[in-house]
C-alpha atoms as a PDB file:
ATOM      1  CA  MET A   1      76.903  95.628  98.164  1.00  0.00           C
ATOM      2  CA  SER A   2      74.625  94.507  95.327  1.00  0.00           C
ATOM      3  CA  ASP A   3      77.113  95.948  92.834  1.00  0.00           C
ATOM      4  CA  LEU A   4      80.009  93.951  94.310  1.00  0.00           C
ATOM      5  CA  SER A   5      80.928  90.277  94.423  1.00  0.00           C
ATOM      6  CA  ILE A   6      83.158  88.273  96.757  1.00  0.00           C
ATOM      7  CA  ARG A   7      85.442  85.547  95.418  1.00  0.00           C
ATOM      8  CA  ARG A   8      87.540  83.173  97.475  1.00  0.00           C
ATOM      9  CA  CYS A   9      90.496  81.380  95.867  1.00  0.00           C
ATOM     10  CA  SER A  10      93.242  79.205  97.303  1.00  0.00           C
ATOM     11  CA  GLY A  11      96.555  77.617  96.419  1.00  0.00           C
ATOM     12  CA  ALA A  12      97.438  77.716  92.727  1.00  0.00           C
ATOM     13  CA  ALA A  13      94.196  79.583  91.978  1.00  0.00           C
ATOM     14  CA  ILE A  14      95.613  82.772  93.524  1.00  0.00           C
ATOM     15  CA  ALA A  15      98.239  83.149  90.777  1.00  0.00           C
ATOM     16  CA  PRO A  16      96.137  85.295  88.390  1.00  0.00           C
ATOM     17  CA  HIS A  17      95.489  87.768  91.229  1.00  0.00           C
ATOM     18  CA  LEU A  18      99.014  88.339  92.571  1.00  0.00           C
ATOM     19  CA  ASP A  19      99.419  91.531  90.552  1.00  0.00           C
ATOM     20  CA  ASP A  20      96.012  92.764  91.757  1.00  0.00           C
ATOM     21  CA  LEU A  21      97.057  92.312  95.372  1.00  0.00           C
ATOM     22  CA  ALA A  22     100.425  93.998  94.773  1.00  0.00           C
ATOM     23  CA  ARG A  23      98.682  96.966  93.141  1.00  0.00           C
ATOM     24  CA  LEU A  24      96.269  97.347  96.057  1.00  0.00           C
ATOM     25  CA  ARG A  25      99.024  97.036  98.648  1.00  0.00           C
ATOM     26  CA  LEU A  26     101.116  99.706  96.953  1.00  0.00           C
ATOM     27  CA  GLN A  27      98.130 102.072  96.878  1.00  0.00           C
ATOM     28  CA  VAL A  28      96.398 101.433 100.207  1.00  0.00           C
ATOM     29  CA  PHE A  29      99.473 101.031 102.402  1.00  0.00           C
ATOM     30  CA  ARG A  30     100.792 104.463 101.456  1.00  0.00           C
ATOM     31  CA  ASP A  31      98.288 105.809 103.982  1.00  0.00           C
ATOM     32  CA  TRP A  32      98.645 105.886 107.755  1.00  0.00           C
ATOM     33  CA  PRO A  33      99.713 103.873 109.676  1.00  0.00           C
ATOM     34  CA  TYR A  34     101.963 102.002 107.215  1.00  0.00           C
ATOM     35  CA  LEU A  35     103.202 104.935 105.090  1.00  0.00           C
ATOM     36  CA  TYR A  36     104.597 102.300 102.752  1.00  0.00           C
ATOM     37  CA  ASP A  37     106.760 103.492  99.875  1.00  0.00           C
ATOM     38  CA  GLY A  38     106.931 100.146  98.104  1.00  0.00           C
ATOM     39  CA  ASP A  39     107.908  98.757  94.722  1.00  0.00           C
ATOM     40  CA  MET A  40     107.036  95.731  92.625  1.00  0.00           C
ATOM     41  CA  ASP A  41     110.349  93.981  93.345  1.00  0.00           C
ATOM     42  CA  TYR A  42     109.572  93.888  97.073  1.00  0.00           C
ATOM     43  CA  GLU A  43     105.982  92.888  96.356  1.00  0.00           C
ATOM     44  CA  LYS A  44     107.062  89.880  94.303  1.00  0.00           C
ATOM     45  CA  GLN A  45     109.378  88.761  97.104  1.00  0.00           C
ATOM     46  CA  TYR A  46     106.665  89.204  99.735  1.00  0.00           C
ATOM     47  CA  LEU A  47     103.964  87.438  97.722  1.00  0.00           C
ATOM     48  CA  ASP A  48     106.193  84.437  97.070  1.00  0.00           C
ATOM     49  CA  THR A  49     105.057  83.048 100.444  1.00  0.00           C
ATOM     50  CA  TYR A  50     101.473  82.852  99.187  1.00  0.00           C
ATOM     51  CA  SER A  51     102.514  81.468  95.805  1.00  0.00           C
ATOM     52  CA  ARG A  52     104.372  78.563  97.419  1.00  0.00           C
ATOM     53  CA  SER A  53     101.659  77.541  99.884  1.00  0.00           C
ATOM     54  CA  PRO A  54      98.999  75.063  98.679  1.00  0.00           C
ATOM     55  CA  GLU A  55      96.671  76.416 101.377  1.00  0.00           C
ATOM     56  CA  SER A  56      97.094  80.142 100.854  1.00  0.00           C
ATOM     57  CA  LEU A  57      93.887  82.154 100.619  1.00  0.00           C
ATOM     58  CA  PHE A  58      92.801  85.274  98.770  1.00  0.00           C
ATOM     59  CA  VAL A  59      89.392  86.823  99.464  1.00  0.00           C
ATOM     60  CA  LEU A  60      88.722  89.220  96.597  1.00  0.00           C
ATOM     61  CA  VAL A  61      86.182  92.014  96.267  1.00  0.00           C
ATOM     62  CA  LEU A  62      85.226  92.644  92.652  1.00  0.00           C
ATOM     63  CA  ASP A  63      83.353  95.520  91.084  1.00  0.00           C
ATOM     64  CA  GLY A  64      82.487  93.853  87.805  1.00  0.00           C
ATOM     65  CA  ASP A  65      85.792  92.358  86.668  1.00  0.00           C
ATOM     66  CA  ARG A  66      87.936  94.822  88.636  1.00  0.00           C
ATOM     67  CA  VAL A  67      89.529  93.739  91.918  1.00  0.00           C
ATOM     68  CA  VAL A  68      88.939  96.608  94.363  1.00  0.00           C
ATOM     69  CA  GLY A  69      89.797  94.831  97.599  1.00  0.00           C
ATOM     70  CA  ALA A  70      91.630  91.774  98.846  1.00  0.00           C
ATOM     71  CA  SER A  71      92.350  89.955 102.075  1.00  0.00           C
ATOM     72  CA  THR A  72      94.813  87.127 102.558  1.00  0.00           C
ATOM     73  CA  GLY A  73      95.705  84.217 104.794  1.00  0.00           C
ATOM     74  CA  VAL A  74      98.200  81.371 104.951  1.00  0.00           C
ATOM     75  CA  PRO A  75      99.108  78.640 107.450  1.00  0.00           C
ATOM     76  CA  MET A  76     101.687  80.056 109.841  1.00  0.00           C
ATOM     77  CA  ALA A  77     103.823  76.970 109.184  1.00  0.00           C
ATOM     78  CA  ASP A  78     104.192  78.144 105.565  1.00  0.00           C
ATOM     79  CA  GLU A  79     105.328  81.623 106.588  1.00  0.00           C
ATOM     80  CA  THR A  80     108.911  82.876 106.740  1.00  0.00           C
ATOM     81  CA  PRO A  81     111.089  82.354 109.841  1.00  0.00           C
ATOM     82  CA  ASP A  82     110.650  86.031 110.813  1.00  0.00           C
ATOM     83  CA  PHE A  83     106.897  85.533 111.134  1.00  0.00           C
ATOM     84  CA  LYS A  84     107.197  82.308 113.125  1.00  0.00           C
ATOM     85  CA  ARG A  85     109.994  83.345 115.465  1.00  0.00           C
ATOM     86  CA  PRO A  86     107.890  85.325 118.023  1.00  0.00           C
ATOM     87  CA  PHE A  87     105.451  82.418 118.356  1.00  0.00           C
ATOM     88  CA  LEU A  88     108.145  79.786 118.783  1.00  0.00           C
ATOM     89  CA  SER A  89     109.884  81.917 121.404  1.00  0.00           C
ATOM     90  CA  GLN A  90     106.649  82.110 123.436  1.00  0.00           C
ATOM     91  CA  GLY A  91     105.810  78.403 123.206  1.00  0.00           C
ATOM     92  CA  HIS A  92     103.165  78.551 120.470  1.00  0.00           C
ATOM     93  CA  ASP A  93     102.929  75.905 117.769  1.00  0.00           C
ATOM     94  CA  PRO A  94     102.874  77.475 114.260  1.00  0.00           C
ATOM     95  CA  GLU A  95     101.215  74.308 112.918  1.00  0.00           C
ATOM     96  CA  ARG A  96      98.098  75.262 114.901  1.00  0.00           C
ATOM     97  CA  ILE A  97      97.883  78.900 113.777  1.00  0.00           C
ATOM     98  CA  PHE A  98      96.405  80.314 110.574  1.00  0.00           C
ATOM     99  CA  TYR A  99      97.975  83.661 109.799  1.00  0.00           C
ATOM    100  CA  LEU A 100      95.790  86.476 108.474  1.00  0.00           C
ATOM    101  CA  GLY A 101      97.732  88.777 106.203  1.00  0.00           C
ATOM    102  CA  GLU A 102      96.635  92.127 104.874  1.00  0.00           C
ATOM    103  CA  SER A 103      93.170  93.483 104.190  1.00  0.00           C
ATOM    104  CA  VAL A 104      93.307  96.196 101.538  1.00  0.00           C
ATOM    105  CA  LEU A 105      90.290  98.001 100.130  1.00  0.00           C
ATOM    106  CA  LEU A 106      90.068 101.085  97.959  1.00  0.00           C
ATOM    107  CA  PRO A 107      88.689 104.081  99.915  1.00  0.00           C
ATOM    108  CA  GLU A 108      85.496 104.456  97.883  1.00  0.00           C
ATOM    109  CA  TYR A 109      84.415 100.911  98.835  1.00  0.00           C
ATOM    110  CA  ARG A 110      84.820 101.266 102.586  1.00  0.00           C
ATOM    111  CA  GLY A 111      81.959 101.515 105.057  1.00  0.00           C
ATOM    112  CA  ARG A 112      80.039  98.573 103.542  1.00  0.00           C
ATOM    113  CA  GLY A 113      80.939  95.888 106.075  1.00  0.00           C
ATOM    114  CA  LEU A 114      83.696  94.377 103.951  1.00  0.00           C
ATOM    115  CA  GLY A 115      86.279  94.562 106.745  1.00  0.00           C
ATOM    116  CA  ALA A 116      84.152  92.247 108.876  1.00  0.00           C
ATOM    117  CA  ARG A 117      83.443  90.027 105.857  1.00  0.00           C
ATOM    118  CA  PHE A 118      87.181  89.594 105.309  1.00  0.00           C
ATOM    119  CA  PHE A 119      87.538  88.171 108.811  1.00  0.00           C
ATOM    120  CA  VAL A 120      84.505  85.896 108.437  1.00  0.00           C
ATOM    121  CA  GLU A 121      85.795  84.417 105.177  1.00  0.00           C
ATOM    122  CA  ARG A 122      89.342  83.831 106.399  1.00  0.00           C
ATOM    123  CA  GLU A 123      88.321  82.381 109.765  1.00  0.00           C
ATOM    124  CA  GLY A 124      85.826  80.141 107.963  1.00  0.00           C
ATOM    125  CA  PHE A 125      88.540  78.876 105.653  1.00  0.00           C
ATOM    126  CA  ALA A 126      90.815  78.130 108.629  1.00  0.00           C
ATOM    127  CA  ARG A 127      88.021  76.162 110.307  1.00  0.00           C
ATOM    128  CA  GLU A 128      87.379  74.206 107.101  1.00  0.00           C
ATOM    129  CA  LEU A 129      91.005  73.087 107.045  1.00  0.00           C
ATOM    130  CA  GLY A 130      90.264  71.478 110.387  1.00  0.00           C
ATOM    131  CA  ARG A 131      93.587  71.644 112.216  1.00  0.00           C
ATOM    132  CA  PHE A 132      93.916  75.231 113.430  1.00  0.00           C
ATOM    133  CA  ALA A 133      93.231  76.382 116.975  1.00  0.00           C
ATOM    134  CA  GLN A 134      93.877  80.093 116.431  1.00  0.00           C
ATOM    135  CA  THR A 135      94.023  82.841 113.862  1.00  0.00           C
ATOM    136  CA  ALA A 136      96.570  85.624 114.139  1.00  0.00           C
ATOM    137  CA  PHE A 137      97.496  88.879 112.465  1.00  0.00           C
ATOM    138  CA  CYS A 138      99.989  91.635 113.183  1.00  0.00           C
ATOM    139  CA  ALA A 139      99.764  95.426 113.109  1.00  0.00           C
ATOM    140  CA  VAL A 140     102.398  98.139 113.068  1.00  0.00           C
ATOM    141  CA  ASP A 141     102.944  99.814 116.440  1.00  0.00           C
ATOM    142  CA  ARG A 142     103.423 103.529 115.721  1.00  0.00           C
ATOM    143  CA  PRO A 143     104.176 105.906 118.624  1.00  0.00           C
ATOM    144  CA  PRO A 144     101.330 108.210 119.713  1.00  0.00           C
ATOM    145  CA  ASP A 145     103.391 111.304 118.871  1.00  0.00           C
ATOM    146  CA  HIS A 146     104.372 110.188 115.368  1.00  0.00           C
ATOM    147  CA  PRO A 147     104.507 113.357 113.212  1.00  0.00           C
ATOM    148  CA  ARG A 148     102.474 111.782 110.407  1.00  0.00           C
ATOM    149  CA  ARG A 149      99.606 110.590 112.615  1.00  0.00           C
ATOM    150  CA  PRO A 150      96.435 112.166 111.138  1.00  0.00           C
ATOM    151  CA  PRO A 151      94.458 114.435 113.493  1.00  0.00           C
ATOM    152  CA  GLY A 152      91.562 112.557 115.058  1.00  0.00           C
ATOM    153  CA  HIS A 153      92.773 109.183 113.819  1.00  0.00           C
ATOM    154  CA  VAL A 154      90.804 106.297 115.370  1.00  0.00           C
ATOM    155  CA  PRO A 155      92.798 103.035 115.461  1.00  0.00           C
ATOM    156  CA  LEU A 156      91.176  99.708 114.581  1.00  0.00           C
ATOM    157  CA  ASP A 157      91.788  98.182 118.009  1.00  0.00           C
ATOM    158  CA  ALA A 158      88.120  98.362 119.038  1.00  0.00           C
ATOM    159  CA  PHE A 159      87.001  96.742 115.766  1.00  0.00           C
ATOM    160  CA  TRP A 160      89.510  93.915 116.184  1.00  0.00           C
ATOM    161  CA  THR A 161      88.471  93.422 119.819  1.00  0.00           C
ATOM    162  CA  ARG A 162      84.809  93.130 118.772  1.00  0.00           C
ATOM    163  CA  ARG A 163      85.866  90.437 116.314  1.00  0.00           C
ATOM    164  CA  GLY A 164      87.274  88.462 119.259  1.00  0.00           C
ATOM    165  CA  TYR A 165      90.968  89.291 118.890  1.00  0.00           C
ATOM    166  CA  VAL A 166      93.321  89.937 121.793  1.00  0.00           C
ATOM    167  CA  ARG A 167      96.461  92.041 121.525  1.00  0.00           C
ATOM    168  CA  HIS A 168      99.565  90.146 122.654  1.00  0.00           C
ATOM    169  CA  PRO A 169     102.394  92.623 123.310  1.00  0.00           C
ATOM    170  CA  GLU A 170     104.734  89.739 124.148  1.00  0.00           C
ATOM    171  CA  LEU A 171     104.371  88.575 120.526  1.00  0.00           C
ATOM    172  CA  ARG A 172     106.282  91.265 118.729  1.00  0.00           C
ATOM    173  CA  THR A 173     108.705  91.486 115.866  1.00  0.00           C
ATOM    174  CA  ARG A 174     110.106  94.001 113.385  1.00  0.00           C
ATOM    175  CA  TYR A 175     109.543  94.142 109.644  1.00  0.00           C
ATOM    176  CA  THR A 176     111.494  96.399 107.345  1.00  0.00           C
ATOM    177  CA  TRP A 177     110.120  98.726 104.685  1.00  0.00           C
ATOM    178  CA  LYS A 178     110.667 102.285 103.501  1.00  0.00           C
ATOM    179  CA  ASP A 179     108.315 104.972 104.796  1.00  0.00           C
ATOM    180  CA  LEU A 180     107.297 107.768 102.456  1.00  0.00           C
ATOM    181  CA  ASP A 181     109.681 110.207 104.153  1.00  0.00           C
ATOM    182  CA  GLU A 182     112.630 107.812 104.496  1.00  0.00           C
ATOM    183  CA  ALA A 183     115.664 107.598 102.245  1.00  0.00           C
ATOM    184  CA  GLU A 184     116.256 103.955 103.157  1.00  0.00           C
ATOM    185  CA  PRO A 185     114.131 101.134 104.601  1.00  0.00           C
ATOM    186  CA  SER A 186     114.079 100.794 108.369  1.00  0.00           C
ATOM    187  CA  PRO A 187     112.642  98.191 110.793  1.00  0.00           C
ATOM    188  CA  LYS A 188     109.144  98.858 112.149  1.00  0.00           C
ATOM    189  CA  PRO A 189     107.762  97.324 115.365  1.00  0.00           C
ATOM    190  CA  MET A 190     104.839  94.931 114.839  1.00  0.00           C
ATOM    191  CA  ILE A 191     102.542  93.384 117.455  1.00  0.00           C
ATOM    192  CA  PHE A 192     100.420  90.256 116.950  1.00  0.00           C
ATOM    193  CA  TRP A 193      96.753  89.763 117.791  1.00  0.00           C
ATOM    194  CA  LEU A 194      95.235  86.292 118.353  1.00  0.00           C
ATOM    195  CA  LYS A 195      91.793  84.711 118.350  1.00  0.00           C
ATOM    196  CA  ARG A 196      90.783  81.216 119.394  1.00  0.00           C
ATOM    197  CA  LEU A 197      88.659  79.453 116.796  1.00  0.00           C
ATOM    198  CA  ASP A 198      86.743  77.387 119.356  1.00  0.00           C
ATOM    199  CA  GLY A 199      84.786  80.470 120.390  1.00  0.00           C
ATOM    200  CA  GLN A 200      86.215  80.600 123.906  1.00  0.00           C
ATOM    201  CA  ALA A 201      87.936  83.675 125.298  1.00  0.00           C
ATOM    202  CA  ASP A 202      91.619  84.017 124.553  1.00  0.00           C
ATOM    203  CA  ARG A 203      93.394  84.166 127.903  1.00  0.00           C
ATOM    204  CA  ALA A 204      96.728  85.051 126.325  1.00  0.00           C
ATOM    205  CA  GLU A 205      98.062  81.575 127.073  1.00  0.00           C
ATOM    206  CA  PRO A 206     100.304  79.746 124.601  1.00  0.00           C
ATOM    207  CA  ILE A 207      99.044  76.604 122.879  1.00  0.00           C
ATOM    208  CA  GLY A 208     101.247  73.591 123.506  1.00  0.00           C
ATOM    209  CA  VAL A 209     102.482  71.532 120.577  1.00  0.00           C
ATOM    210  CA  GLY A 210      99.876  68.959 119.621  1.00  0.00           C
ATOM    211  CA  SER A 211      97.247  70.429 121.961  1.00  0.00           C
ATOM    212  CA  ASP A 212      93.574  70.497 120.965  1.00  0.00           C
ATOM    213  CA  ARG A 213      92.916  73.684 122.935  1.00  0.00           C
END
């Protein structure tokens, strides 16, 4: 990684990098399992959440001056109602959760430990803010027999589990985008994963409002 640098920026400082993130999302998420056939109009709408939050986070990977990877985070309280709804319905307090968005990295830069670094940087930022009990992210739930599933595909579940995350099938929602082989956007099932920031095991129990757990 001596040829790469990591830069962390937050709040208003993310603005110069919004187009970089949109470009990476449009390229990387075309692959399995997202199969995302996106456009810049949707990207601008999606990234507005980060633009409006004073505590949004971008972790950037740069090769010289070129952004080749990015990972994001934002307080769950600053997310849209669709993101918060599954947590509220299960008794979780969004004020106590820091949401980890996408991690996107160009293929030629993978295999260098940057996926783990993305988690370290974002969890560290959440701890620095001092009021979050958990981090969370969501992943698309594709059926095992999906016709576009690549042969021999190994999901990231084991990697996420090693990082301390627990899959919570009761925390599920649907987000809408257009797959590469779709004429129109359709809703996709998403499942959330959680990790406690105090280092204790996540027992899949909700955090009560105002709790220090």
